[in-house]
Amino acid sequence: MQAQNTDILTLLGTIIEQLVKEEVAKPKAEPETLLLKPREAAEKLGLPYNRIRSLYLYDDTFPAFKIGQRYYVNIALAEKWVEERSKN
């Protein structure tokens, strides 16, 4: 009985180890959309929309740009931008 339990535990350990390896090996998911509208970016970054608005209008370092009449935020760069500023 004890030998069977040991065998089962060994098998379960092997299965779990394999599942973890497979999960770790999966490529990281890219953001679904690279460009977001300012309101979407505000929600994603956890910042108020008015703060995002003032950033894209007045801060040249914020990764946003205008196409036609609309502003867009490069969310991958914006996340890095926020991370860099949070270090200081």
PDB file of N, CA and C in Angstrom:
ATOM      1  N   MET A   1       0.825  -1.188   0.000  1.00  0.00           N
ATOM      2  CA  MET A   1       0.000   0.000   0.000  1.00  0.00           C
ATOM      3  C   MET A   1       0.872   1.256   0.000  1.00  0.00           C
ATOM      4  N   GLN A   2       1.885   1.248   0.862  1.00  0.00           N
ATOM      5  CA  GLN A   2       2.764   2.419   0.949  1.00  0.00           C
ATOM      6  C   GLN A   2       3.564   2.586  -0.345  1.00  0.00           C
ATOM      7  N   ALA A   3       3.947   1.485  -0.970  1.00  0.00           N
ATOM      8  CA  ALA A   3       4.688   1.545  -2.233  1.00  0.00           C
ATOM      9  C   ALA A   3       3.811   2.136  -3.327  1.00  0.00           C
ATOM     10  N   GLN A   4       2.529   1.779  -3.322  1.00  0.00           N
ATOM     11  CA  GLN A   4       1.605   2.327  -4.317  1.00  0.00           C
ATOM     12  C   GLN A   4       1.445   3.835  -4.127  1.00  0.00           C
ATOM     13  N   ASN A   5       1.317   4.264  -2.868  1.00  0.00           N
ATOM     14  CA  ASN A   5       1.194   5.695  -2.584  1.00  0.00           C
ATOM     15  C   ASN A   5       2.433   6.452  -3.044  1.00  0.00           C
ATOM     16  N   THR A   6       3.588   5.871  -2.816  1.00  0.00           N
ATOM     17  CA  THR A   6       4.837   6.501  -3.243  1.00  0.00           C
ATOM     18  C   THR A   6       4.889   6.607  -4.757  1.00  0.00           C
ATOM     19  N   ASP A   7       4.465   5.535  -5.443  1.00  0.00           N
ATOM     20  CA  ASP A   7       4.443   5.548  -6.908  1.00  0.00           C
ATOM     21  C   ASP A   7       3.483   6.610  -7.434  1.00  0.00           C
ATOM     22  N   ILE A   8       2.316   6.707  -6.812  1.00  0.00           N
ATOM     23  CA  ILE A   8       1.324   7.699  -7.236  1.00  0.00           C
ATOM     24  C   ILE A   8       1.858   9.109  -7.014  1.00  0.00           C
ATOM     25  N   LEU A   9       2.478   9.347  -5.868  1.00  0.00           N
ATOM     26  CA  LEU A   9       3.037  10.672  -5.583  1.00  0.00           C
ATOM     27  C   LEU A   9       4.159  11.023  -6.554  1.00  0.00           C
ATOM     28  N   THR A  10       4.977  10.045  -6.883  1.00  0.00           N
ATOM     29  CA  THR A  10       6.052  10.271  -7.847  1.00  0.00           C
ATOM     30  C   THR A  10       5.478  10.615  -9.214  1.00  0.00           C
ATOM     31  N   LEU A  11       4.462   9.883  -9.624  1.00  0.00           N
ATOM     32  CA  LEU A  11       3.813  10.138 -10.908  1.00  0.00           C
ATOM     33  C   LEU A  11       3.169  11.523 -10.927  1.00  0.00           C
ATOM     34  N   LEU A  12       2.459  11.870  -9.865  1.00  0.00           N
ATOM     35  CA  LEU A  12       1.844  13.196  -9.785  1.00  0.00           C
ATOM     36  C   LEU A  12       2.898  14.300  -9.826  1.00  0.00           C
ATOM     37  N   GLY A  13       3.987  14.093  -9.117  1.00  0.00           N
ATOM     38  CA  GLY A  13       5.075  15.073  -9.133  1.00  0.00           C
ATOM     39  C   GLY A  13       5.634  15.267 -10.530  1.00  0.00           C
ATOM     40  N   THR A  14       5.806  14.176 -11.265  1.00  0.00           N
ATOM     41  CA  THR A  14       6.313  14.241 -12.637  1.00  0.00           C
ATOM     42  C   THR A  14       5.334  14.980 -13.543  1.00  0.00           C
ATOM     43  N   ILE A  15       4.053  14.687 -13.393  1.00  0.00           N
ATOM     44  CA  ILE A  15       3.031  15.346 -14.211  1.00  0.00           C
ATOM     45  C   ILE A  15       2.997  16.845 -13.916  1.00  0.00           C
ATOM     46  N   ILE A  16       3.005  17.199 -12.655  1.00  0.00           N
ATOM     47  CA  ILE A  16       2.979  18.617 -12.276  1.00  0.00           C
ATOM     48  C   ILE A  16       4.218  19.330 -12.793  1.00  0.00           C
ATOM     49  N   GLU A  17       5.363  18.697 -12.653  1.00  0.00           N
ATOM     50  CA  GLU A  17       6.614  19.290 -13.145  1.00  0.00           C
ATOM     51  C   GLU A  17       6.535  19.545 -14.649  1.00  0.00           C
ATOM     52  N   GLN A  18       6.001  18.599 -15.394  1.00  0.00           N
ATOM     53  CA  GLN A  18       5.869  18.746 -16.842  1.00  0.00           C
ATOM     54  C   GLN A  18       4.902  19.876 -17.189  1.00  0.00           C
ATOM     55  N   LEU A  19       3.786  19.950 -16.483  1.00  0.00           N
ATOM     56  CA  LEU A  19       2.811  21.018 -16.734  1.00  0.00           C
ATOM     57  C   LEU A  19       3.409  22.396 -16.455  1.00  0.00           C
ATOM     58  N   VAL A  20       4.168  22.506 -15.393  1.00  0.00           N
ATOM     59  CA  VAL A  20       4.813  23.781 -15.061  1.00  0.00           C
ATOM     60  C   VAL A  20       5.817  24.161 -16.139  1.00  0.00           C
ATOM     61  N   LYS A  21       6.611  23.199 -16.605  1.00  0.00           N
ATOM     62  CA  LYS A  21       7.585  23.471 -17.667  1.00  0.00           C
ATOM     63  C   LYS A  21       6.890  23.949 -18.937  1.00  0.00           C
ATOM     64  N   GLU A  22       5.783  23.315 -19.290  1.00  0.00           N
ATOM     65  CA  GLU A  22       5.035  23.716 -20.487  1.00  0.00           C
ATOM     66  C   GLU A  22       4.479  25.128 -20.337  1.00  0.00           C
ATOM     67  N   GLU A  23       3.971  25.441 -19.162  1.00  0.00           N
ATOM     68  CA  GLU A  23       3.393  26.773 -18.930  1.00  0.00           C
ATOM     69  C   GLU A  23       4.468  27.851 -18.983  1.00  0.00           C
ATOM     70  N   VAL A  24       5.610  27.573 -18.403  1.00  0.00           N
ATOM     71  CA  VAL A  24       6.712  28.540 -18.411  1.00  0.00           C
ATOM     72  C   VAL A  24       7.254  28.729 -19.822  1.00  0.00           C
ATOM     73  N   ALA A  25       7.238  27.686 -20.616  1.00  0.00           N
ATOM     74  CA  ALA A  25       7.782  27.754 -21.975  1.00  0.00           C
ATOM     75  C   ALA A  25       6.874  28.508 -22.943  1.00  0.00           C
ATOM     76  N   LYS A  26       5.614  28.716 -22.576  1.00  0.00           N
ATOM     77  CA  LYS A  26       4.698  29.431 -23.467  1.00  0.00           C
ATOM     78  C   LYS A  26       5.187  30.864 -23.662  1.00  0.00           C
ATOM     79  N   PRO A  27       5.087  31.365 -24.882  1.00  0.00           N
ATOM     80  CA  PRO A  27       5.495  32.757 -25.100  1.00  0.00           C
ATOM     81  C   PRO A  27       4.562  33.700 -24.353  1.00  0.00           C
ATOM     82  N   LYS A  28       5.141  34.796 -23.902  1.00  0.00           N
ATOM     83  CA  LYS A  28       4.351  35.797 -23.195  1.00  0.00           C
ATOM     84  C   LYS A  28       3.381  36.447 -24.167  1.00  0.00           C
ATOM     85  N   ALA A  29       2.198  36.684 -23.704  1.00  0.00           N
ATOM     86  CA  ALA A  29       1.177  37.299 -24.556  1.00  0.00           C
ATOM     87  C   ALA A  29       1.507  38.771 -24.784  1.00  0.00           C
ATOM     88  N   GLU A  30       1.447  39.169 -26.018  1.00  0.00           N
ATOM     89  CA  GLU A  30       1.630  40.574 -26.368  1.00  0.00           C
ATOM     90  C   GLU A  30       0.334  41.319 -26.076  1.00  0.00           C
ATOM     91  N   PRO A  31       0.433  42.626 -25.874  1.00  0.00           N
ATOM     92  CA  PRO A  31      -0.808  43.378 -25.692  1.00  0.00           C
ATOM     93  C   PRO A  31      -1.722  43.167 -26.893  1.00  0.00           C
ATOM     94  N   GLU A  32      -3.012  43.074 -26.635  1.00  0.00           N
ATOM     95  CA  GLU A  32      -3.956  42.840 -27.719  1.00  0.00           C
ATOM     96  C   GLU A  32      -3.891  43.960 -28.748  1.00  0.00           C
ATOM     97  N   THR A  33      -3.793  45.183 -28.271  1.00  0.00           N
ATOM     98  CA  THR A  33      -3.730  46.336 -29.145  1.00  0.00           C
ATOM     99  C   THR A  33      -2.567  47.197 -28.706  1.00  0.00           C
ATOM    100  N   LEU A  34      -1.746  47.587 -29.645  1.00  0.00           N
ATOM    101  CA  LEU A  34      -0.594  48.415 -29.315  1.00  0.00           C
ATOM    102  C   LEU A  34      -1.004  49.851 -29.046  1.00  0.00           C
ATOM    103  N   LEU A  35      -1.957  50.360 -29.815  1.00  0.00           N
ATOM    104  CA  LEU A  35      -2.401  51.742 -29.664  1.00  0.00           C
ATOM    105  C   LEU A  35      -3.773  51.777 -29.008  1.00  0.00           C
ATOM    106  N   LEU A  36      -3.888  52.602 -27.985  1.00  0.00           N
ATOM    107  CA  LEU A  36      -5.167  52.768 -27.308  1.00  0.00           C
ATOM    108  C   LEU A  36      -5.587  54.225 -27.357  1.00  0.00           C
ATOM    109  N   LYS A  37      -6.881  54.444 -27.308  1.00  0.00           N
ATOM    110  CA  LYS A  37      -7.389  55.801 -27.155  1.00  0.00           C
ATOM    111  C   LYS A  37      -7.059  56.249 -25.733  1.00  0.00           C
ATOM    112  N   PRO A  38      -6.946  57.552 -25.510  1.00  0.00           N
ATOM    113  CA  PRO A  38      -6.558  58.034 -24.181  1.00  0.00           C
ATOM    114  C   PRO A  38      -7.423  57.511 -23.032  1.00  0.00           C
ATOM    115  N   ARG A  39      -8.717  57.409 -23.215  1.00  0.00           N
ATOM    116  CA  ARG A  39      -9.568  56.889 -22.128  1.00  0.00           C
ATOM    117  C   ARG A  39      -9.243  55.423 -21.826  1.00  0.00           C
ATOM    118  N   GLU A  40      -8.994  54.650 -22.862  1.00  0.00           N
ATOM    119  CA  GLU A  40      -8.625  53.244 -22.671  1.00  0.00           C
ATOM    120  C   GLU A  40      -7.267  53.144 -21.980  1.00  0.00           C
ATOM    121  N   ALA A  41      -6.342  54.007 -22.391  1.00  0.00           N
ATOM    122  CA  ALA A  41      -5.012  54.014 -21.770  1.00  0.00           C
ATOM    123  C   ALA A  41      -5.107  54.395 -20.300  1.00  0.00           C
ATOM    124  N   ALA A  42      -5.954  55.371 -19.989  1.00  0.00           N
ATOM    125  CA  ALA A  42      -6.132  55.787 -18.595  1.00  0.00           C
ATOM    126  C   ALA A  42      -6.620  54.615 -17.750  1.00  0.00           C
ATOM    127  N   GLU A  43      -7.577  53.881 -18.272  1.00  0.00           N
ATOM    128  CA  GLU A  43      -8.104  52.720 -17.549  1.00  0.00           C
ATOM    129  C   GLU A  43      -7.024  51.654 -17.370  1.00  0.00           C
ATOM    130  N   LYS A  44      -6.291  51.381 -18.433  1.00  0.00           N
ATOM    131  CA  LYS A  44      -5.243  50.350 -18.394  1.00  0.00           C
ATOM    132  C   LYS A  44      -4.127  50.728 -17.417  1.00  0.00           C
ATOM    133  N   LEU A  45      -3.765  52.016 -17.388  1.00  0.00           N
ATOM    134  CA  LEU A  45      -2.673  52.473 -16.533  1.00  0.00           C
ATOM    135  C   LEU A  45      -3.126  52.799 -15.114  1.00  0.00           C
ATOM    136  N   GLY A  46      -4.432  52.857 -14.903  1.00  0.00           N
ATOM    137  CA  GLY A  46      -4.941  53.177 -13.571  1.00  0.00           C
ATOM    138  C   GLY A  46      -4.791  54.644 -13.220  1.00  0.00           C
ATOM    139  N   LEU A  47      -4.826  55.496 -14.221  1.00  0.00           N
ATOM    140  CA  LEU A  47      -4.705  56.939 -14.013  1.00  0.00           C
ATOM    141  C   LEU A  47      -5.994  57.624 -14.451  1.00  0.00           C
ATOM    142  N   PRO A  48      -6.288  58.787 -13.871  1.00  0.00           N
ATOM    143  CA  PRO A  48      -7.472  59.520 -14.321  1.00  0.00           C
ATOM    144  C   PRO A  48      -7.310  59.988 -15.767  1.00  0.00           C
ATOM    145  N   TYR A  49      -8.410  60.032 -16.490  1.00  0.00           N
ATOM    146  CA  TYR A  49      -8.362  60.473 -17.887  1.00  0.00           C
ATOM    147  C   TYR A  49      -7.770  61.875 -18.008  1.00  0.00           C
ATOM    148  N   ASN A  50      -8.145  62.787 -17.110  1.00  0.00           N
ATOM    149  CA  ASN A  50      -7.629  64.159 -17.206  1.00  0.00           C
ATOM    150  C   ASN A  50      -6.110  64.201 -17.080  1.00  0.00           C
ATOM    151  N   ARG A  51      -5.549  63.307 -16.298  1.00  0.00           N
ATOM    152  CA  ARG A  51      -4.083  63.247 -16.170  1.00  0.00           C
ATOM    153  C   ARG A  51      -3.465  62.773 -17.482  1.00  0.00           C
ATOM    154  N   ILE A  52      -4.038  61.745 -18.081  1.00  0.00           N
ATOM    155  CA  ILE A  52      -3.551  61.253 -19.373  1.00  0.00           C
ATOM    156  C   ILE A  52      -3.666  62.357 -20.414  1.00  0.00           C
ATOM    157  N   ARG A  53      -4.788  63.065 -20.392  1.00  0.00           N
ATOM    158  CA  ARG A  53      -5.006  64.152 -21.354  1.00  0.00           C
ATOM    159  C   ARG A  53      -3.929  65.220 -21.221  1.00  0.00           C
ATOM    160  N   SER A  54      -3.647  65.634 -20.007  1.00  0.00           N
ATOM    161  CA  SER A  54      -2.609  66.655 -19.835  1.00  0.00           C
ATOM    162  C   SER A  54      -1.235  66.114 -20.231  1.00  0.00           C
ATOM    163  N   LEU A  55      -1.004  64.831 -20.033  1.00  0.00           N
ATOM    164  CA  LEU A  55       0.274  64.247 -20.441  1.00  0.00           C
ATOM    165  C   LEU A  55       0.431  64.273 -21.954  1.00  0.00           C
ATOM    166  N   TYR A  56      -0.579  63.816 -22.686  1.00  0.00           N
ATOM    167  CA  TYR A  56      -0.402  63.779 -24.140  1.00  0.00           C
ATOM    168  C   TYR A  56      -0.443  65.161 -24.767  1.00  0.00           C
ATOM    169  N   LEU A  57      -1.057  66.121 -24.092  1.00  0.00           N
ATOM    170  CA  LEU A  57      -1.081  67.482 -24.641  1.00  0.00           C
ATOM    171  C   LEU A  57       0.176  68.285 -24.309  1.00  0.00           C
ATOM    172  N   TYR A  58       0.738  68.073 -23.111  1.00  0.00           N
ATOM    173  CA  TYR A  58       1.795  68.971 -22.636  1.00  0.00           C
ATOM    174  C   TYR A  58       3.134  68.315 -22.317  1.00  0.00           C
ATOM    175  N   ASP A  59       3.221  67.010 -22.315  1.00  0.00           N
ATOM    176  CA  ASP A  59       4.485  66.346 -21.982  1.00  0.00           C
ATOM    177  C   ASP A  59       4.992  65.592 -23.210  1.00  0.00           C
ATOM    178  N   ASP A  60       6.035  66.125 -23.819  1.00  0.00           N
ATOM    179  CA  ASP A  60       6.578  65.522 -25.043  1.00  0.00           C
ATOM    180  C   ASP A  60       7.202  64.149 -24.809  1.00  0.00           C
ATOM    181  N   THR A  61       7.484  63.811 -23.567  1.00  0.00           N
ATOM    182  CA  THR A  61       8.085  62.502 -23.295  1.00  0.00           C
ATOM    183  C   THR A  61       7.037  61.391 -23.209  1.00  0.00           C
ATOM    184  N   PHE A  62       5.770  61.759 -23.071  1.00  0.00           N
ATOM    185  CA  PHE A  62       4.710  60.751 -22.972  1.00  0.00           C
ATOM    186  C   PHE A  62       4.455  60.151 -24.351  1.00  0.00           C
ATOM    187  N   PRO A  63       4.414  58.812 -24.458  1.00  0.00           N
ATOM    188  CA  PRO A  63       4.319  58.146 -25.766  1.00  0.00           C
ATOM    189  C   PRO A  63       2.914  58.176 -26.380  1.00  0.00           C
ATOM    190  N   ALA A  64       2.534  59.363 -26.830  1.00  0.00           N
ATOM    191  CA  ALA A  64       1.245  59.523 -27.505  1.00  0.00           C
ATOM    192  C   ALA A  64       1.464  60.363 -28.753  1.00  0.00           C
ATOM    193  N   PHE A  65       0.590  60.203 -29.712  1.00  0.00           N
ATOM    194  CA  PHE A  65       0.695  60.985 -30.941  1.00  0.00           C
ATOM    195  C   PHE A  65      -0.680  61.126 -31.561  1.00  0.00           C
ATOM    196  N   LYS A  66      -0.749  62.027 -32.502  1.00  0.00           N
ATOM    197  CA  LYS A  66      -2.020  62.358 -33.126  1.00  0.00           C
ATOM    198  C   LYS A  66      -2.074  61.794 -34.538  1.00  0.00           C
ATOM    199  N   ILE A  67      -3.188  61.170 -34.859  1.00  0.00           N
ATOM    200  CA  ILE A  67      -3.468  60.723 -36.223  1.00  0.00           C
ATOM    201  C   ILE A  67      -4.787  61.390 -36.597  1.00  0.00           C
ATOM    202  N   GLY A  68      -4.727  62.282 -37.548  1.00  0.00           N
ATOM    203  CA  GLY A  68      -5.925  63.044 -37.898  1.00  0.00           C
ATOM    204  C   GLY A  68      -6.326  63.915 -36.730  1.00  0.00           C
ATOM    205  N   GLN A  69      -7.539  63.746 -36.257  1.00  0.00           N
ATOM    206  CA  GLN A  69      -8.041  64.525 -35.126  1.00  0.00           C
ATOM    207  C   GLN A  69      -7.948  63.780 -33.795  1.00  0.00           C
ATOM    208  N   ARG A  70      -7.470  62.552 -33.821  1.00  0.00           N
ATOM    209  CA  ARG A  70      -7.457  61.732 -32.610  1.00  0.00           C
ATOM    210  C   ARG A  70      -6.046  61.502 -32.081  1.00  0.00           C
ATOM    211  N   TYR A  71      -5.964  61.415 -30.762  1.00  0.00           N
ATOM    212  CA  TYR A  71      -4.718  61.047 -30.104  1.00  0.00           C
ATOM    213  C   TYR A  71      -4.758  59.556 -29.781  1.00  0.00           C
ATOM    214  N   TYR A  72      -3.585  58.948 -29.846  1.00  0.00           N
ATOM    215  CA  TYR A  72      -3.431  57.542 -29.487  1.00  0.00           C
ATOM    216  C   TYR A  72      -2.232  57.399 -28.568  1.00  0.00           C
ATOM    217  N   VAL A  73      -2.307  56.414 -27.693  1.00  0.00           N
ATOM    218  CA  VAL A  73      -1.232  56.138 -26.742  1.00  0.00           C
ATOM    219  C   VAL A  73      -0.659  54.767 -27.066  1.00  0.00           C
ATOM    220  N   ASN A  74       0.659  54.712 -27.230  1.00  0.00           N
ATOM    221  CA  ASN A  74       1.344  53.429 -27.387  1.00  0.00           C
ATOM    222  C   ASN A  74       1.408  52.821 -25.990  1.00  0.00           C
ATOM    223  N   ILE A  75       0.561  51.853 -25.719  1.00  0.00           N
ATOM    224  CA  ILE A  75       0.387  51.358 -24.358  1.00  0.00           C
ATOM    225  C   ILE A  75       1.631  50.648 -23.825  1.00  0.00           C
ATOM    226  N   ALA A  76       2.354  49.948 -24.675  1.00  0.00           N
ATOM    227  CA  ALA A  76       3.576  49.266 -24.213  1.00  0.00           C
ATOM    228  C   ALA A  76       4.599  50.295 -23.740  1.00  0.00           C
ATOM    229  N   LEU A  77       4.776  51.362 -24.519  1.00  0.00           N
ATOM    230  CA  LEU A  77       5.714  52.415 -24.124  1.00  0.00           C
ATOM    231  C   LEU A  77       5.188  53.211 -22.936  1.00  0.00           C
ATOM    232  N   ALA A  78       3.878  53.398 -22.871  1.00  0.00           N
ATOM    233  CA  ALA A  78       3.293  54.137 -21.748  1.00  0.00           C
ATOM    234  C   ALA A  78       3.493  53.380 -20.436  1.00  0.00           C
ATOM    235  N   GLU A  79       3.370  52.066 -20.475  1.00  0.00           N
ATOM    236  CA  GLU A  79       3.612  51.272 -19.265  1.00  0.00           C
ATOM    237  C   GLU A  79       5.060  51.411 -18.817  1.00  0.00           C
ATOM    238  N   LYS A  80       5.988  51.386 -19.770  1.00  0.00           N
ATOM    239  CA  LYS A  80       7.403  51.590 -19.435  1.00  0.00           C
ATOM    240  C   LYS A  80       7.628  53.003 -18.916  1.00  0.00           C
ATOM    241  N   TRP A  81       6.960  53.988 -19.515  1.00  0.00           N
ATOM    242  CA  TRP A  81       7.072  55.388 -19.112  1.00  0.00           C
ATOM    243  C   TRP A  81       6.645  55.548 -17.655  1.00  0.00           C
ATOM    244  N   VAL A  82       5.513  54.956 -17.291  1.00  0.00           N
ATOM    245  CA  VAL A  82       5.019  55.026 -15.916  1.00  0.00           C
ATOM    246  C   VAL A  82       5.986  54.316 -14.978  1.00  0.00           C
ATOM    247  N   GLU A  83       6.473  53.164 -15.395  1.00  0.00           N
ATOM    248  CA  GLU A  83       7.409  52.397 -14.563  1.00  0.00           C
ATOM    249  C   GLU A  83       8.681  53.198 -14.288  1.00  0.00           C
ATOM    250  N   GLU A  84       9.215  53.847 -15.307  1.00  0.00           N
ATOM    251  CA  GLU A  84      10.425  54.659 -15.137  1.00  0.00           C
ATOM    252  C   GLU A  84      10.188  55.797 -14.146  1.00  0.00           C
ATOM    253  N   ARG A  85       9.049  56.440 -14.240  1.00  0.00           N
ATOM    254  CA  ARG A  85       8.754  57.560 -13.356  1.00  0.00           C
ATOM    255  C   ARG A  85       8.452  57.112 -11.937  1.00  0.00           C
ATOM    256  N   SER A  86       7.990  55.894 -11.783  1.00  0.00           N
ATOM    257  CA  SER A  86       7.686  55.410 -10.437  1.00  0.00           C
ATOM    258  C   SER A  86       8.951  55.022  -9.674  1.00  0.00           C
ATOM    259  N   LYS A  87      10.063  54.890 -10.381  1.00  0.00           N
ATOM    260  CA  LYS A  87      11.334  54.564  -9.723  1.00  0.00           C
ATOM    261  C   LYS A  87      11.893  55.762  -8.970  1.00  0.00           C
ATOM    262  N   ASN A  88      11.535  56.957  -9.407  1.00  0.00           N
ATOM    263  CA  ASN A  88      12.086  58.181  -8.787  1.00  0.00           C
ATOM    264  C   ASN A  88      11.273  58.632  -7.611  1.00  0.00           C
TER     265      ASN A  88
END
